[in-house]
């Protein structure tokens, strides 16, 4: 179990946010920027600077999740 705000929780949150953005794009849902978004993203800068591969890893996980939700499979 991950505690709210710890590193593992934060990584999962990033994957979820990226996946939601991907699915919104596919569904044609226009996302508007809310004032809290800038501060939310700013908090990620510190984490991302500490692990430059994290954003790529999170994006890959988000894409796999979005594909699964959409019923897309790339396995034989």
C-alpha atoms as a PDB file:
ATOM      1  CA  UNK A   1       0.000   0.000   0.000  1.00  0.00           C
ATOM      2  CA  UNK A   2       1.266   3.433  -0.885  1.00  0.00           C
ATOM      3  CA  UNK A   3       0.799   6.437   1.339  1.00  0.00           C
ATOM      4  CA  UNK A   4      -0.797   9.555  -0.101  1.00  0.00           C
ATOM      5  CA  UNK A   5       1.920  11.795  -1.505  1.00  0.00           C
ATOM      6  CA  UNK A   6       4.809   9.328  -1.320  1.00  0.00           C
ATOM      7  CA  UNK A   7       6.979   8.669  -4.365  1.00  0.00           C
ATOM      8  CA  UNK A   8       5.149   5.517  -5.482  1.00  0.00           C
ATOM      9  CA  UNK A   9       1.781   7.210  -5.132  1.00  0.00           C
ATOM     10  CA  UNK A  10       3.057  10.203  -7.074  1.00  0.00           C
ATOM     11  CA  UNK A  11       4.287   7.993  -9.907  1.00  0.00           C
ATOM     12  CA  UNK A  12       0.901   6.279 -10.105  1.00  0.00           C
ATOM     13  CA  UNK A  13      -0.776   9.683 -10.133  1.00  0.00           C
ATOM     14  CA  UNK A  14       1.404  10.789 -13.055  1.00  0.00           C
ATOM     15  CA  UNK A  15       0.528   7.638 -15.015  1.00  0.00           C
ATOM     16  CA  UNK A  16      -3.169   8.218 -14.304  1.00  0.00           C
ATOM     17  CA  UNK A  17      -3.005  11.869 -15.396  1.00  0.00           C
ATOM     18  CA  UNK A  18      -1.195  10.984 -18.614  1.00  0.00           C
ATOM     19  CA  UNK A  19      -3.628   8.160 -19.351  1.00  0.00           C
ATOM     20  CA  UNK A  20      -6.595  10.448 -18.785  1.00  0.00           C
ATOM     21  CA  UNK A  21      -5.114  12.986 -21.185  1.00  0.00           C
ATOM     22  CA  UNK A  22      -4.563  10.282 -23.826  1.00  0.00           C
ATOM     23  CA  UNK A  23      -8.103   8.943 -23.514  1.00  0.00           C
ATOM     24  CA  UNK A  24      -9.583  12.437 -23.543  1.00  0.00           C
ATOM     25  CA  UNK A  25      -7.763  13.133 -26.780  1.00  0.00           C
ATOM     26  CA  UNK A  26      -9.064   9.957 -28.400  1.00  0.00           C
ATOM     27  CA  UNK A  27     -12.595  10.719 -27.220  1.00  0.00           C
ATOM     28  CA  UNK A  28     -12.388  14.294 -28.486  1.00  0.00           C
ATOM     29  CA  UNK A  29     -12.855  15.768 -25.035  1.00  0.00           C
ATOM     30  CA  UNK A  30     -11.358  19.230 -24.851  1.00  0.00           C
ATOM     31  CA  UNK A  31      -9.559  19.730 -21.578  1.00  0.00           C
ATOM     32  CA  UNK A  32      -9.356  23.225 -20.227  1.00  0.00           C
ATOM     33  CA  UNK A  33      -6.538  24.400 -18.011  1.00  0.00           C
ATOM     34  CA  UNK A  34      -7.500  25.114 -14.447  1.00  0.00           C
ATOM     35  CA  UNK A  35      -5.497  27.433 -12.199  1.00  0.00           C
ATOM     36  CA  UNK A  36      -4.364  24.524 -10.013  1.00  0.00           C
ATOM     37  CA  UNK A  37      -2.793  22.776 -13.009  1.00  0.00           C
ATOM     38  CA  UNK A  38       0.234  25.061 -13.047  1.00  0.00           C
ATOM     39  CA  UNK A  39       1.045  24.429  -9.387  1.00  0.00           C
ATOM     40  CA  UNK A  40       0.326  20.719  -9.790  1.00  0.00           C
ATOM     41  CA  UNK A  41       2.723  20.482 -12.724  1.00  0.00           C
ATOM     42  CA  UNK A  42       5.324  22.583 -10.942  1.00  0.00           C
ATOM     43  CA  UNK A  43       5.389  20.013  -8.159  1.00  0.00           C
ATOM     44  CA  UNK A  44       6.318  17.375 -10.738  1.00  0.00           C
ATOM     45  CA  UNK A  45       9.353  19.310 -11.949  1.00  0.00           C
ATOM     46  CA  UNK A  46      11.297  18.435  -8.811  1.00  0.00           C
ATOM     47  CA  UNK A  47      10.507  14.731  -9.172  1.00  0.00           C
ATOM     48  CA  UNK A  48      11.197  14.681 -12.911  1.00  0.00           C
ATOM     49  CA  UNK A  49      14.531  16.439 -12.487  1.00  0.00           C
ATOM     50  CA  UNK A  50      15.559  13.701 -10.064  1.00  0.00           C
ATOM     51  CA  UNK A  51      14.606  10.875 -12.477  1.00  0.00           C
ATOM     52  CA  UNK A  52      14.830  11.869 -16.124  1.00  0.00           C
ATOM     53  CA  UNK A  53      13.502   8.474 -17.283  1.00  0.00           C
ATOM     54  CA  UNK A  54      10.373   8.688 -15.174  1.00  0.00           C
ATOM     55  CA  UNK A  55       8.327  10.656 -17.688  1.00  0.00           C
ATOM     56  CA  UNK A  56       9.095   8.144 -20.459  1.00  0.00           C
ATOM     57  CA  UNK A  57       8.282   5.217 -18.195  1.00  0.00           C
ATOM     58  CA  UNK A  58       5.062   6.862 -17.002  1.00  0.00           C
ATOM     59  CA  UNK A  59       4.012   7.632 -20.580  1.00  0.00           C
ATOM     60  CA  UNK A  60       4.591   4.006 -21.603  1.00  0.00           C
ATOM     61  CA  UNK A  61       2.528   2.733 -18.668  1.00  0.00           C
ATOM     62  CA  UNK A  62      -0.215   5.239 -19.424  1.00  0.00           C
ATOM     63  CA  UNK A  63      -0.309   4.187 -23.067  1.00  0.00           C
ATOM     64  CA  UNK A  64      -0.598   0.499 -22.120  1.00  0.00           C
ATOM     65  CA  UNK A  65      -3.457   1.329 -19.729  1.00  0.00           C
ATOM     66  CA  UNK A  66      -5.236   3.479 -22.323  1.00  0.00           C
ATOM     67  CA  UNK A  67      -4.865   0.717 -24.922  1.00  0.00           C
ATOM     68  CA  UNK A  68      -6.278  -1.835 -22.477  1.00  0.00           C
ATOM     69  CA  UNK A  69      -9.267   0.389 -21.713  1.00  0.00           C
ATOM     70  CA  UNK A  70      -9.885   0.817 -25.443  1.00  0.00           C
ATOM     71  CA  UNK A  71      -9.563  -2.945 -26.032  1.00  0.00           C
ATOM     72  CA  UNK A  72      -6.432  -2.612 -28.150  1.00  0.00           C
ATOM     73  CA  UNK A  73      -3.891  -5.415 -27.900  1.00  0.00           C
ATOM     74  CA  UNK A  74      -0.519  -5.654 -29.594  1.00  0.00           C
ATOM     75  CA  UNK A  75       0.136  -9.285 -28.584  1.00  0.00           C
ATOM     76  CA  UNK A  76      -0.464 -12.300 -30.779  1.00  0.00           C
END
